[in-house]
Structure formats: structure tokens, C-alpha cells
Amino acid sequence: TKTYWSQIMDNVEDYSTTDRLGRYVYPLWYPRYDAVNSMDFFEPFGGWESVLIKQTGGDVGYCGVTQVDSDYMEDSGTSYYGIYPH
């Protein structure tokens, strides 16, 4: 979050560097467990103006698999599930 970024990283903006095509070299993945497929919550910080992936839930389970996180990408307008070791 913007608050944690300011406190922990002293509001460094170096991570928002873009390449020659204007894409973030370090895209922002933002965990926000609210089960909402939207990026409307985002307030720019650390130089980022947008979020690439929002994690909407943790350990939601999918197709009988446990420890699955739900994620959302606004560019695609779809939700997807990822299996991440915990």
C-alpha cells in the first residue's frame, strides 16, 4: 500500500522505471483481498500510476485444489487463478 511503501521504502520511486515502449520494468502486483475485479481502489505511489495484477483473494481453492489465489488483470478484463506455494 501507499502507506507501507512510504514507511518501509522511504517513498523511493526507482521501481517505476519504464522501458523504451513505456512498459514498467517492474510491474506492480498488488494484494487486496476484497474479491472485487476492479482497480478503482488504486492510489499512485512509488512512481507507479497503475497496477498490472491485483490479487483479489488468497487460499480460495479452485477445481478441488487448495492454496489457490485469485487474481485480476484489468487489461484482459478477466479473473484467473494461480497456484502459489505458501
Protein backbone atom coordinates (compact mmCIF):
# COMPACT_ATOMS: atom_id res chain seq x y z
CA THR A 1 0.00 0.00 0.00
CA LYS A 2 0.98 3.59 -0.34
CA THR A 3 1.35 3.89 3.45
CA TYR A 4 3.65 0.87 3.76
CA TRP A 5 5.68 1.95 0.74
CA SER A 6 6.33 5.36 2.29
CA GLN A 7 7.25 3.90 5.69
CA ILE A 8 9.40 0.98 4.55
CA MET A 9 10.91 2.22 1.28
CA ASP A 10 11.14 5.93 2.18
CA ASN A 11 8.91 6.61 -0.86
CA VAL A 12 11.61 5.56 -3.36
CA GLU A 13 10.40 5.89 -6.95
CA ASP A 14 13.12 3.90 -8.74
CA TYR A 15 10.95 0.78 -9.13
CA SER A 16 8.61 2.51 -11.54
CA THR A 17 11.20 2.67 -14.34
CA THR A 18 9.79 2.10 -17.83
CA ASP A 19 11.39 0.58 -20.90
CA ARG A 20 11.58 2.23 -24.33
CA LEU A 21 7.99 1.12 -25.06
CA GLY A 22 6.66 2.73 -21.88
CA ARG A 23 6.08 -0.56 -20.01
CA TYR A 24 7.08 -0.81 -16.38
CA VAL A 25 10.31 -2.76 -15.93
CA TYR A 26 8.93 -3.80 -12.53
CA PRO A 27 5.14 -4.00 -12.94
CA LEU A 28 3.09 -3.67 -9.77
CA TRP A 29 1.30 -6.70 -8.34
CA TYR A 30 -0.99 -5.57 -5.54
CA PRO A 31 -2.61 -7.91 -3.00
CA ARG A 32 -6.01 -6.64 -1.91
CA TYR A 33 -8.29 -9.40 -0.67
CA ASP A 34 -11.63 -7.80 -1.42
CA ALA A 35 -12.97 -10.20 -4.11
CA VAL A 36 -13.63 -7.21 -6.41
CA ASN A 37 -12.48 -7.28 -10.04
CA SER A 38 -11.58 -3.62 -10.30
CA MET A 39 -8.55 -1.37 -9.95
CA ASP A 40 -10.63 1.62 -8.83
CA PHE A 41 -9.11 1.46 -5.34
CA PHE A 42 -5.59 2.30 -6.53
CA GLU A 43 -3.86 5.48 -5.45
CA PRO A 44 -0.50 6.07 -7.24
CA PHE A 45 2.68 5.66 -5.19
CA GLY A 46 6.37 4.92 -5.68
CA GLY A 47 6.11 6.22 -9.24
CA TRP A 48 3.52 3.64 -10.33
CA GLU A 49 0.44 5.06 -12.00
CA SER A 50 -1.33 1.71 -12.41
CA VAL A 51 -1.49 -1.89 -11.20
CA LEU A 52 -0.78 -4.82 -13.53
CA ILE A 53 -2.21 -7.59 -11.35
CA LYS A 54 -4.45 -7.37 -8.31
CA GLN A 55 -4.70 -10.38 -6.01
CA THR A 56 -8.37 -10.49 -5.02
CA GLY A 57 -8.27 -13.47 -2.68
CA GLY A 58 -5.95 -15.94 -1.02
CA ASP A 59 -6.49 -19.65 -0.50
CA VAL A 60 -9.80 -19.54 -2.36
CA GLY A 61 -9.50 -23.03 -3.85
CA TYR A 62 -10.19 -23.87 -7.47
CA CYS A 63 -11.24 -27.14 -9.11
CA GLY A 64 -10.53 -29.07 -5.93
CA VAL A 65 -7.05 -27.60 -5.49
CA THR A 66 -6.31 -25.81 -2.23
CA GLN A 67 -3.97 -22.87 -1.64
CA VAL A 68 -5.02 -21.15 -4.84
CA ASP A 69 -5.03 -17.36 -5.09
CA SER A 70 -7.48 -15.43 -7.25
CA ASP A 71 -6.09 -12.58 -9.34
CA TYR A 72 -7.42 -9.95 -11.73
CA MET A 73 -5.82 -8.17 -14.67
CA GLU A 74 -7.71 -5.13 -15.91
CA ASP A 75 -6.15 -5.21 -19.39
CA SER A 76 -7.74 -8.58 -20.06
CA GLY A 77 -10.87 -7.85 -18.03
CA THR A 78 -10.83 -11.40 -16.70
CA SER A 79 -10.12 -13.18 -13.45
CA TYR A 80 -7.69 -16.01 -13.22
CA TYR A 81 -6.35 -18.32 -10.57
CA GLY A 82 -2.76 -19.02 -9.69
CA ILE A 83 -1.25 -21.72 -7.57
CA TYR A 84 1.43 -20.29 -5.35
CA PRO A 85 3.40 -22.12 -2.67
CA HIS A 86 2.62 -20.82 0.80
